[in-house]
Amino acid sequence: MVSRKVLQLEHDHQDEHFLAAVKEIEDGLEMLEENVPVYTPDLQFFENLVAEQRQEMKRKLIRELAIFTVAALLIVTSVLFMLYQVPAVFFILQGIVTVLL
């Protein structure tokens, strides 16, 4: 029973230190809020930022679509060329790709 009271007293002492530390932290944060000005940018800044991002995304989309279209045309053209000009090579390549997959 005595050891419980001693532990309880030590625990109360730790709680006092904890509460004092919390109080100091809160006071410090309040001083920080009072002394540091908070700047909020205007709405026009964010609207311009969004407009620039949209334009950049649109440019990237057009560029990627152009690259995709050129690559697709090259692939289809080469496959059709091989099919009509050298059908044996075309069918051999088709067999190799099928086996590999």
PDB file of N, CA and C in Angstrom:
ATOM      1  N   MET A   1       0.818  -1.191   0.000  1.00  0.00           N
ATOM      2  CA  MET A   1       0.000   0.000   0.000  1.00  0.00           C
ATOM      3  C   MET A   1       0.864   1.257   0.000  1.00  0.00           C
ATOM      4  N   VAL A   2       1.948   1.236   0.767  1.00  0.00           N
ATOM      5  CA  VAL A   2       2.789   2.413   0.872  1.00  0.00           C
ATOM      6  C   VAL A   2       3.448   2.693  -0.475  1.00  0.00           C
ATOM      7  N   SER A   3       3.883   1.630  -1.164  1.00  0.00           N
ATOM      8  CA  SER A   3       4.560   1.821  -2.445  1.00  0.00           C
ATOM      9  C   SER A   3       3.616   2.453  -3.461  1.00  0.00           C
ATOM     10  N   ARG A   4       2.331   2.151  -3.384  1.00  0.00           N
ATOM     11  CA  ARG A   4       1.372   2.763  -4.301  1.00  0.00           C
ATOM     12  C   ARG A   4       1.290   4.269  -4.065  1.00  0.00           C
ATOM     13  N   LYS A   5       1.284   4.690  -2.795  1.00  0.00           N
ATOM     14  CA  LYS A   5       1.214   6.113  -2.508  1.00  0.00           C
ATOM     15  C   LYS A   5       2.468   6.822  -3.006  1.00  0.00           C
ATOM     16  N   VAL A   6       3.608   6.202  -2.857  1.00  0.00           N
ATOM     17  CA  VAL A   6       4.850   6.813  -3.316  1.00  0.00           C
ATOM     18  C   VAL A   6       4.813   6.947  -4.837  1.00  0.00           C
ATOM     19  N   LEU A   7       4.376   5.898  -5.513  1.00  0.00           N
ATOM     20  CA  LEU A   7       4.276   5.957  -6.962  1.00  0.00           C
ATOM     21  C   LEU A   7       3.259   7.007  -7.391  1.00  0.00           C
ATOM     22  N   GLN A   8       2.185   7.105  -6.688  1.00  0.00           N
ATOM     23  CA  GLN A   8       1.166   8.087  -7.014  1.00  0.00           C
ATOM     24  C   GLN A   8       1.713   9.503  -6.850  1.00  0.00           C
ATOM     25  N   LEU A   9       2.493   9.733  -5.799  1.00  0.00           N
ATOM     26  CA  LEU A   9       3.077  11.053  -5.592  1.00  0.00           C
ATOM     27  C   LEU A   9       4.073  11.382  -6.702  1.00  0.00           C
ATOM     28  N   GLU A  10       4.890  10.408  -7.080  1.00  0.00           N
ATOM     29  CA  GLU A  10       5.827  10.639  -8.177  1.00  0.00           C
ATOM     30  C   GLU A  10       5.074  10.908  -9.471  1.00  0.00           C
ATOM     31  N   HIS A  11       3.979  10.201  -9.672  1.00  0.00           N
ATOM     32  CA  HIS A  11       3.162  10.375 -10.869  1.00  0.00           C
ATOM     33  C   HIS A  11       2.546  11.777 -10.877  1.00  0.00           C
ATOM     34  N   ASP A  12       2.084  12.238  -9.724  1.00  0.00           N
ATOM     35  CA  ASP A  12       1.524  13.591  -9.632  1.00  0.00           C
ATOM     36  C   ASP A  12       2.597  14.629  -9.941  1.00  0.00           C
ATOM     37  N   HIS A  13       3.811  14.395  -9.478  1.00  0.00           N
ATOM     38  CA  HIS A  13       4.916  15.313  -9.740  1.00  0.00           C
ATOM     39  C   HIS A  13       5.222  15.370 -11.248  1.00  0.00           C
ATOM     40  N   GLN A  14       5.167  14.223 -11.899  1.00  0.00           N
ATOM     41  CA  GLN A  14       5.397  14.178 -13.343  1.00  0.00           C
ATOM     42  C   GLN A  14       4.275  14.893 -14.086  1.00  0.00           C
ATOM     43  N   ASP A  15       3.034  14.734 -13.599  1.00  0.00           N
ATOM     44  CA  ASP A  15       1.910  15.424 -14.222  1.00  0.00           C
ATOM     45  C   ASP A  15       2.071  16.934 -14.127  1.00  0.00           C
ATOM     46  N   GLU A  16       2.590  17.423 -13.002  1.00  0.00           N
ATOM     47  CA  GLU A  16       2.796  18.856 -12.853  1.00  0.00           C
ATOM     48  C   GLU A  16       3.838  19.352 -13.859  1.00  0.00           C
ATOM     49  N   HIS A  17       4.911  18.581 -14.048  1.00  0.00           N
ATOM     50  CA  HIS A  17       5.922  18.957 -15.032  1.00  0.00           C
ATOM     51  C   HIS A  17       5.337  18.922 -16.453  1.00  0.00           C
ATOM     52  N   PHE A  18       4.542  17.915 -16.702  1.00  0.00           N
ATOM     53  CA  PHE A  18       3.916  17.789 -18.015  1.00  0.00           C
ATOM     54  C   PHE A  18       2.989  18.972 -18.288  1.00  0.00           C
ATOM     55  N   LEU A  19       2.155  19.308 -17.318  1.00  0.00           N
ATOM     56  CA  LEU A  19       1.233  20.430 -17.486  1.00  0.00           C
ATOM     57  C   LEU A  19       1.989  21.751 -17.630  1.00  0.00           C
ATOM     58  N   ALA A  20       3.081  21.905 -16.901  1.00  0.00           N
ATOM     59  CA  ALA A  20       3.887  23.120 -17.023  1.00  0.00           C
ATOM     60  C   ALA A  20       4.507  23.205 -18.417  1.00  0.00           C
ATOM     61  N   ALA A  21       4.977  22.076 -18.931  1.00  0.00           N
ATOM     62  CA  ALA A  21       5.562  22.059 -20.275  1.00  0.00           C
ATOM     63  C   ALA A  21       4.512  22.386 -21.326  1.00  0.00           C
ATOM     64  N   VAL A  22       3.315  21.837 -21.162  1.00  0.00           N
ATOM     65  CA  VAL A  22       2.222  22.112 -22.105  1.00  0.00           C
ATOM     66  C   VAL A  22       1.865  23.593 -22.067  1.00  0.00           C
ATOM     67  N   LYS A  23       1.813  24.160 -20.881  1.00  0.00           N
ATOM     68  CA  LYS A  23       1.492  25.578 -20.737  1.00  0.00           C
ATOM     69  C   LYS A  23       2.550  26.449 -21.422  1.00  0.00           C
ATOM     70  N   GLU A  24       3.834  26.117 -21.259  1.00  0.00           N
ATOM     71  CA  GLU A  24       4.900  26.875 -21.902  1.00  0.00           C
ATOM     72  C   GLU A  24       4.810  26.783 -23.422  1.00  0.00           C
ATOM     73  N   ILE A  25       4.493  25.602 -23.904  1.00  0.00           N
ATOM     74  CA  ILE A  25       4.347  25.424 -25.359  1.00  0.00           C
ATOM     75  C   ILE A  25       3.188  26.259 -25.880  1.00  0.00           C
ATOM     76  N   GLU A  26       2.061  26.236 -25.176  1.00  0.00           N
ATOM     77  CA  GLU A  26       0.903  27.016 -25.602  1.00  0.00           C
ATOM     78  C   GLU A  26       1.212  28.509 -25.593  1.00  0.00           C
ATOM     79  N   ASP A  27       1.907  28.974 -24.557  1.00  0.00           N
ATOM     80  CA  ASP A  27       2.272  30.396 -24.482  1.00  0.00           C
ATOM     81  C   ASP A  27       3.202  30.772 -25.636  1.00  0.00           C
ATOM     82  N   GLY A  28       4.151  29.910 -25.923  1.00  0.00           N
ATOM     83  CA  GLY A  28       5.071  30.173 -27.027  1.00  0.00           C
ATOM     84  C   GLY A  28       4.355  30.224 -28.370  1.00  0.00           C
ATOM     85  N   LEU A  29       3.406  29.324 -28.576  1.00  0.00           N
ATOM     86  CA  LEU A  29       2.653  29.318 -29.831  1.00  0.00           C
ATOM     87  C   LEU A  29       1.776  30.566 -29.951  1.00  0.00           C
ATOM     88  N   GLU A  30       1.184  31.005 -28.847  1.00  0.00           N
ATOM     89  CA  GLU A  30       0.383  32.227 -28.879  1.00  0.00           C
ATOM     90  C   GLU A  30       1.250  33.433 -29.223  1.00  0.00           C
ATOM     91  N   MET A  31       2.467  33.511 -28.643  1.00  0.00           N
ATOM     92  CA  MET A  31       3.377  34.614 -28.963  1.00  0.00           C
ATOM     93  C   MET A  31       3.773  34.566 -30.441  1.00  0.00           C
ATOM     94  N   LEU A  32       3.983  33.376 -30.956  1.00  0.00           N
ATOM     95  CA  LEU A  32       4.345  33.217 -32.356  1.00  0.00           C
ATOM     96  C   LEU A  32       3.218  33.703 -33.257  1.00  0.00           C
ATOM     97  N   GLU A  33       1.986  33.344 -32.925  1.00  0.00           N
ATOM     98  CA  GLU A  33       0.842  33.779 -33.723  1.00  0.00           C
ATOM     99  C   GLU A  33       0.679  35.291 -33.691  1.00  0.00           C
ATOM    100  N   GLU A  34       0.959  35.907 -32.557  1.00  0.00           N
ATOM    101  CA  GLU A  34       0.813  37.350 -32.435  1.00  0.00           C
ATOM    102  C   GLU A  34       1.906  38.099 -33.196  1.00  0.00           C
ATOM    103  N   ASN A  35       3.121  37.566 -33.228  1.00  0.00           N
ATOM    104  CA  ASN A  35       4.262  38.287 -33.791  1.00  0.00           C
ATOM    105  C   ASN A  35       4.523  38.014 -35.267  1.00  0.00           C
ATOM    106  N   VAL A  36       4.036  36.899 -35.802  1.00  0.00           N
ATOM    107  CA  VAL A  36       4.310  36.555 -37.198  1.00  0.00           C
ATOM    108  C   VAL A  36       3.075  36.895 -38.031  1.00  0.00           C
ATOM    109  N   PRO A  37       3.229  37.789 -38.994  1.00  0.00           N
ATOM    110  CA  PRO A  37       2.070  38.139 -39.830  1.00  0.00           C
ATOM    111  C   PRO A  37       1.740  36.997 -40.792  1.00  0.00           C
ATOM    112  N   VAL A  38       0.472  36.839 -41.057  1.00  0.00           N
ATOM    113  CA  VAL A  38      -0.004  35.802 -41.977  1.00  0.00           C
ATOM    114  C   VAL A  38      -0.443  36.487 -43.258  1.00  0.00           C
ATOM    115  N   TYR A  39       0.148  36.079 -44.361  1.00  0.00           N
ATOM    116  CA  TYR A  39      -0.178  36.669 -45.650  1.00  0.00           C
ATOM    117  C   TYR A  39      -0.962  35.663 -46.474  1.00  0.00           C
ATOM    118  N   THR A  40      -2.131  36.050 -46.929  1.00  0.00           N
ATOM    119  CA  THR A  40      -2.947  35.208 -47.785  1.00  0.00           C
ATOM    120  C   THR A  40      -2.974  35.828 -49.175  1.00  0.00           C
ATOM    121  N   PRO A  41      -2.493  35.111 -50.184  1.00  0.00           N
ATOM    122  CA  PRO A  41      -2.490  35.672 -51.540  1.00  0.00           C
ATOM    123  C   PRO A  41      -3.914  35.924 -52.026  1.00  0.00           C
ATOM    124  N   ASP A  42      -4.034  36.852 -52.960  1.00  0.00           N
ATOM    125  CA  ASP A  42      -5.357  37.180 -53.470  1.00  0.00           C
ATOM    126  C   ASP A  42      -5.841  36.092 -54.427  1.00  0.00           C
ATOM    127  N   LEU A  43      -7.115  36.147 -54.736  1.00  0.00           N
ATOM    128  CA  LEU A  43      -7.753  35.135 -55.570  1.00  0.00           C
ATOM    129  C   LEU A  43      -7.194  35.148 -56.989  1.00  0.00           C
ATOM    130  N   GLN A  44      -6.845  36.316 -57.486  1.00  0.00           N
ATOM    131  CA  GLN A  44      -6.313  36.438 -58.847  1.00  0.00           C
ATOM    132  C   GLN A  44      -5.037  35.617 -59.031  1.00  0.00           C
ATOM    133  N   PHE A  45      -4.200  35.566 -58.002  1.00  0.00           N
ATOM    134  CA  PHE A  45      -2.970  34.770 -58.062  1.00  0.00           C
ATOM    135  C   PHE A  45      -3.286  33.301 -58.311  1.00  0.00           C
ATOM    136  N   PHE A  46      -4.256  32.769 -57.571  1.00  0.00           N
ATOM    137  CA  PHE A  46      -4.605  31.354 -57.721  1.00  0.00           C
ATOM    138  C   PHE A  46      -5.285  31.086 -59.063  1.00  0.00           C
ATOM    139  N   GLU A  47      -6.107  32.027 -59.517  1.00  0.00           N
ATOM    140  CA  GLU A  47      -6.750  31.849 -60.820  1.00  0.00           C
ATOM    141  C   GLU A  47      -5.716  31.837 -61.934  1.00  0.00           C
ATOM    142  N   ASN A  48      -4.725  32.715 -61.851  1.00  0.00           N
ATOM    143  CA  ASN A  48      -3.655  32.715 -62.858  1.00  0.00           C
ATOM    144  C   ASN A  48      -2.857  31.421 -62.808  1.00  0.00           C
ATOM    145  N   LEU A  49      -2.594  30.937 -61.613  1.00  0.00           N
ATOM    146  CA  LEU A  49      -1.854  29.685 -61.455  1.00  0.00           C
ATOM    147  C   LEU A  49      -2.607  28.512 -62.087  1.00  0.00           C
ATOM    148  N   VAL A  50      -3.914  28.457 -61.865  1.00  0.00           N
ATOM    149  CA  VAL A  50      -4.732  27.387 -62.441  1.00  0.00           C
ATOM    150  C   VAL A  50      -4.766  27.499 -63.962  1.00  0.00           C
ATOM    151  N   ALA A  51      -4.904  28.729 -64.491  1.00  0.00           N
ATOM    152  CA  ALA A  51      -4.934  28.925 -65.939  1.00  0.00           C
ATOM    153  C   ALA A  51      -3.615  28.487 -66.574  1.00  0.00           C
ATOM    154  N   GLU A  52      -2.493  28.813 -65.953  1.00  0.00           N
ATOM    155  CA  GLU A  52      -1.192  28.394 -66.478  1.00  0.00           C
ATOM    156  C   GLU A  52      -1.048  26.881 -66.462  1.00  0.00           C
ATOM    157  N   GLN A  53      -1.508  26.258 -65.387  1.00  0.00           N
ATOM    158  CA  GLN A  53      -1.425  24.796 -65.298  1.00  0.00           C
ATOM    159  C   GLN A  53      -2.276  24.138 -66.382  1.00  0.00           C
ATOM    160  N   ARG A  54      -3.456  24.686 -66.627  1.00  0.00           N
ATOM    161  CA  ARG A  54      -4.325  24.117 -67.677  1.00  0.00           C
ATOM    162  C   ARG A  54      -3.676  24.249 -69.050  1.00  0.00           C
ATOM    163  N   GLN A  55      -3.087  25.397 -69.338  1.00  0.00           N
ATOM    164  CA  GLN A  55      -2.422  25.582 -70.628  1.00  0.00           C
ATOM    165  C   GLN A  55      -1.259  24.608 -70.781  1.00  0.00           C
ATOM    166  N   GLU A  56      -0.497  24.438 -69.727  1.00  0.00           N
ATOM    167  CA  GLU A  56       0.632  23.506 -69.776  1.00  0.00           C
ATOM    168  C   GLU A  56       0.148  22.074 -70.003  1.00  0.00           C
ATOM    169  N   MET A  57      -0.918  21.686 -69.332  1.00  0.00           N
ATOM    170  CA  MET A  57      -1.464  20.342 -69.510  1.00  0.00           C
ATOM    171  C   MET A  57      -1.986  20.154 -70.942  1.00  0.00           C
ATOM    172  N   LYS A  58      -2.604  21.199 -71.492  1.00  0.00           N
ATOM    173  CA  LYS A  58      -3.128  21.113 -72.848  1.00  0.00           C
ATOM    174  C   LYS A  58      -1.983  20.949 -73.850  1.00  0.00           C
ATOM    175  N   ARG A  59      -0.884  21.706 -73.657  1.00  0.00           N
ATOM    176  CA  ARG A  59       0.289  21.575 -74.529  1.00  0.00           C
ATOM    177  C   ARG A  59       0.881  20.168 -74.454  1.00  0.00           C
ATOM    178  N   LYS A  60       0.980  19.640 -73.243  1.00  0.00           N
ATOM    179  CA  LYS A  60       1.524  18.285 -73.081  1.00  0.00           C
ATOM    180  C   LYS A  60       0.628  17.249 -73.743  1.00  0.00           C
ATOM    181  N   LEU A  61      -0.691  17.418 -73.615  1.00  0.00           N
ATOM    182  CA  LEU A  61      -1.628  16.477 -74.223  1.00  0.00           C
ATOM    183  C   LEU A  61      -1.489  16.483 -75.739  1.00  0.00           C
ATOM    184  N   ILE A  62      -1.422  17.667 -76.333  1.00  0.00           N
ATOM    185  CA  ILE A  62      -1.287  17.761 -77.786  1.00  0.00           C
ATOM    186  C   ILE A  62       0.025  17.126 -78.237  1.00  0.00           C
ATOM    187  N   ARG A  63       1.100  17.377 -77.506  1.00  0.00           N
ATOM    188  CA  ARG A  63       2.402  16.801 -77.856  1.00  0.00           C
ATOM    189  C   ARG A  63       2.370  15.280 -77.770  1.00  0.00           C
ATOM    190  N   GLU A  64       1.786  14.747 -76.698  1.00  0.00           N
ATOM    191  CA  GLU A  64       1.724  13.297 -76.538  1.00  0.00           C
ATOM    192  C   GLU A  64       0.837  12.656 -77.602  1.00  0.00           C
ATOM    193  N   LEU A  65      -0.268  13.315 -77.952  1.00  0.00           N
ATOM    194  CA  LEU A  65      -1.125  12.776 -79.009  1.00  0.00           C
ATOM    195  C   LEU A  65      -0.413  12.778 -80.360  1.00  0.00           C
ATOM    196  N   ALA A  66       0.370  13.814 -80.634  1.00  0.00           N
ATOM    197  CA  ALA A  66       1.119  13.859 -81.885  1.00  0.00           C
ATOM    198  C   ALA A  66       2.147  12.729 -81.937  1.00  0.00           C
ATOM    199  N   ILE A  67       2.871  12.520 -80.852  1.00  0.00           N
ATOM    200  CA  ILE A  67       3.860  11.437 -80.796  1.00  0.00           C
ATOM    201  C   ILE A  67       3.181  10.076 -80.967  1.00  0.00           C
ATOM    202  N   PHE A  68       2.046   9.897 -80.296  1.00  0.00           N
ATOM    203  CA  PHE A  68       1.313   8.632 -80.407  1.00  0.00           C
ATOM    204  C   PHE A  68       0.845   8.402 -81.837  1.00  0.00           C
ATOM    205  N   THR A  69       0.316   9.442 -82.476  1.00  0.00           N
ATOM    206  CA  THR A  69      -0.193   9.302 -83.842  1.00  0.00           C
ATOM    207  C   THR A  69       0.928   8.942 -84.809  1.00  0.00           C
ATOM    208  N   VAL A  70       2.055   9.611 -84.705  1.00  0.00           N
ATOM    209  CA  VAL A  70       3.187   9.322 -85.592  1.00  0.00           C
ATOM    210  C   VAL A  70       3.691   7.898 -85.375  1.00  0.00           C
ATOM    211  N   ALA A  71       3.818   7.487 -84.117  1.00  0.00           N
ATOM    212  CA  ALA A  71       4.294   6.125 -83.824  1.00  0.00           C
ATOM    213  C   ALA A  71       3.305   5.088 -84.350  1.00  0.00           C
ATOM    214  N   ALA A  72       2.011   5.336 -84.146  1.00  0.00           N
ATOM    215  CA  ALA A  72       1.003   4.383 -84.626  1.00  0.00           C
ATOM    216  C   ALA A  72       1.031   4.283 -86.150  1.00  0.00           C
ATOM    217  N   LEU A  73       1.158   5.418 -86.827  1.00  0.00           N
ATOM    218  CA  LEU A  73       1.218   5.387 -88.290  1.00  0.00           C
ATOM    219  C   LEU A  73       2.455   4.643 -88.785  1.00  0.00           C
ATOM    220  N   LEU A  74       3.594   4.854 -88.128  1.00  0.00           N
ATOM    221  CA  LEU A  74       4.802   4.125 -88.527  1.00  0.00           C
ATOM    222  C   LEU A  74       4.654   2.620 -88.327  1.00  0.00           C
ATOM    223  N   ILE A  75       4.071   2.232 -87.228  1.00  0.00           N
ATOM    224  CA  ILE A  75       3.905   0.795 -86.950  1.00  0.00           C
ATOM    225  C   ILE A  75       2.937   0.166 -87.946  1.00  0.00           C
ATOM    226  N   VAL A  76       1.798   0.806 -88.165  1.00  0.00           N
ATOM    227  CA  VAL A  76       0.808   0.248 -89.098  1.00  0.00           C
ATOM    228  C   VAL A  76       1.373   0.212 -90.514  1.00  0.00           C
ATOM    229  N   THR A  77       2.059   1.248 -90.919  1.00  0.00           N
ATOM    230  CA  THR A  77       2.642   1.286 -92.259  1.00  0.00           C
ATOM    231  C   THR A  77       3.669   0.168 -92.434  1.00  0.00           C
ATOM    232  N   SER A  78       4.542  -0.009 -91.439  1.00  0.00           N
ATOM    233  CA  SER A  78       5.556  -1.066 -91.571  1.00  0.00           C
ATOM    234  C   SER A  78       4.923  -2.456 -91.581  1.00  0.00           C
ATOM    235  N   VAL A  79       3.894  -2.666 -90.780  1.00  0.00           N
ATOM    236  CA  VAL A  79       3.227  -3.976 -90.764  1.00  0.00           C
ATOM    237  C   VAL A  79       2.539  -4.236 -92.097  1.00  0.00           C
ATOM    238  N   LEU A  80       1.834  -3.259 -92.624  1.00  0.00           N
ATOM    239  CA  LEU A  80       1.166  -3.448 -93.920  1.00  0.00           C
ATOM    240  C   LEU A  80       2.176  -3.622 -95.052  1.00  0.00           C
ATOM    241  N   PHE A  81       3.268  -2.888 -95.008  1.00  0.00           N
ATOM    242  CA  PHE A  81       4.311  -3.040 -96.018  1.00  0.00           C
ATOM    243  C   PHE A  81       4.869  -4.464 -95.996  1.00  0.00           C
ATOM    244  N   MET A  82       5.163  -4.947 -94.789  1.00  0.00           N
ATOM    245  CA  MET A  82       5.691  -6.313 -94.695  1.00  0.00           C
ATOM    246  C   MET A  82       4.656  -7.333 -95.133  1.00  0.00           C
ATOM    247  N   LEU A  83       3.391  -7.105 -94.814  1.00  0.00           N
ATOM    248  CA  LEU A  83       2.343  -8.069 -95.173  1.00  0.00           C
ATOM    249  C   LEU A  83       2.211  -8.183 -96.686  1.00  0.00           C
ATOM    250  N   TYR A  84       2.275  -7.065 -97.382  1.00  0.00           N
ATOM    251  CA  TYR A  84       2.070  -7.101 -98.828  1.00  0.00           C
ATOM    252  C   TYR A  84       3.356  -7.329 -99.619  1.00  0.00           C
ATOM    253  N   GLN A  85       4.500  -6.888 -99.143  1.00  0.00           N
ATOM    254  CA  GLN A  85       5.737  -7.024 -99.898  1.00  0.00           C
ATOM    255  C   GLN A  85       6.512  -8.297 -99.557  1.00  0.00           C
ATOM    256  N   VAL A  86       6.580  -8.652 -98.252  1.00  0.00           N
ATOM    257  CA  VAL A  86       7.332  -9.832 -97.831  1.00  0.00           C
ATOM    258  C   VAL A  86       6.456 -10.622 -96.856  1.00  0.00           C
ATOM    259  N   PRO A  87       5.440 -11.325 -97.357  1.00  0.00           N
ATOM    260  CA  PRO A  87       4.509 -12.022 -96.451  1.00  0.00           C
ATOM    261  C   PRO A  87       5.174 -13.121 -95.622  1.00  0.00           C
ATOM    262  N   ALA A  88       6.191 -13.758 -96.136  1.00  0.00           N
ATOM    263  CA  ALA A  88       6.840 -14.838 -95.389  1.00  0.00           C
ATOM    264  C   ALA A  88       7.467 -14.287 -94.109  1.00  0.00           C
ATOM    265  N   VAL A  89       8.160 -13.157 -94.191  1.00  0.00           N
ATOM    266  CA  VAL A  89       8.777 -12.551 -93.018  1.00  0.00           C
ATOM    267  C   VAL A  89       7.701 -12.102 -92.034  1.00  0.00           C
ATOM    268  N   PHE A  90       6.602 -11.572 -92.567  1.00  0.00           N
ATOM    269  CA  PHE A  90       5.504 -11.132 -91.703  1.00  0.00           C
ATOM    270  C   PHE A  90       4.964 -12.295 -90.879  1.00  0.00           C
ATOM    271  N   PHE A  91       4.696 -13.413 -91.528  1.00  0.00           N
ATOM    272  CA  PHE A  91       4.132 -14.558 -90.806  1.00  0.00           C
ATOM    273  C   PHE A  91       5.148 -15.179 -89.840  1.00  0.00           C
ATOM    274  N   ILE A  92       6.418 -15.150 -90.191  1.00  0.00           N
ATOM    275  CA  ILE A  92       7.454 -15.655 -89.277  1.00  0.00           C
ATOM    276  C   ILE A  92       7.506 -14.774 -88.028  1.00  0.00           C
ATOM    277  N   LEU A  93       7.488 -13.459 -88.215  1.00  0.00           N
ATOM    278  CA  LEU A  93       7.496 -12.543 -87.064  1.00  0.00           C
ATOM    279  C   LEU A  93       6.243 -12.703 -86.208  1.00  0.00           C
ATOM    280  N   GLN A  94       5.095 -12.907 -86.853  1.00  0.00           N
ATOM    281  CA  GLN A  94       3.863 -13.122 -86.095  1.00  0.00           C
ATOM    282  C   GLN A  94       3.962 -14.390 -85.254  1.00  0.00           C
ATOM    283  N   GLY A  95       4.546 -15.446 -85.824  1.00  0.00           N
ATOM    284  CA  GLY A  95       4.716 -16.692 -85.078  1.00  0.00           C
ATOM    285  C   GLY A  95       5.653 -16.525 -83.909  1.00  0.00           C
ATOM    286  N   ILE A  96       6.759 -15.803 -84.133  1.00  0.00           N
ATOM    287  CA  ILE A  96       7.729 -15.584 -83.056  1.00  0.00           C
ATOM    288  C   ILE A  96       7.096 -14.788 -81.925  1.00  0.00           C
ATOM    289  N   VAL A  97       6.367 -13.721 -82.265  1.00  0.00           N
ATOM    290  CA  VAL A  97       5.701 -12.910 -81.233  1.00  0.00           C
ATOM    291  C   VAL A  97       4.677 -13.729 -80.468  1.00  0.00           C
ATOM    292  N   THR A  98       3.925 -14.547 -81.176  1.00  0.00           N
ATOM    293  CA  THR A  98       2.914 -15.389 -80.508  1.00  0.00           C
ATOM    294  C   THR A  98       3.567 -16.361 -79.543  1.00  0.00           C
ATOM    295  N   VAL A  99       4.669 -16.986 -79.966  1.00  0.00           N
ATOM    296  CA  VAL A  99       5.373 -17.938 -79.097  1.00  0.00           C
ATOM    297  C   VAL A  99       5.948 -17.224 -77.880  1.00  0.00           C
ATOM    298  N   LEU A 100       6.515 -16.047 -78.074  1.00  0.00           N
ATOM    299  CA  LEU A 100       7.100 -15.313 -76.959  1.00  0.00           C
ATOM    300  C   LEU A 100       6.055 -14.866 -75.943  1.00  0.00           C
ATOM    301  N   LEU A 101       4.876 -14.512 -76.411  1.00  0.00           N
ATOM    302  CA  LEU A 101       3.824 -14.100 -75.478  1.00  0.00           C
ATOM    303  C   LEU A 101       3.255 -15.307 -74.768  1.00  0.00           C
TER     304      LEU A 101
END
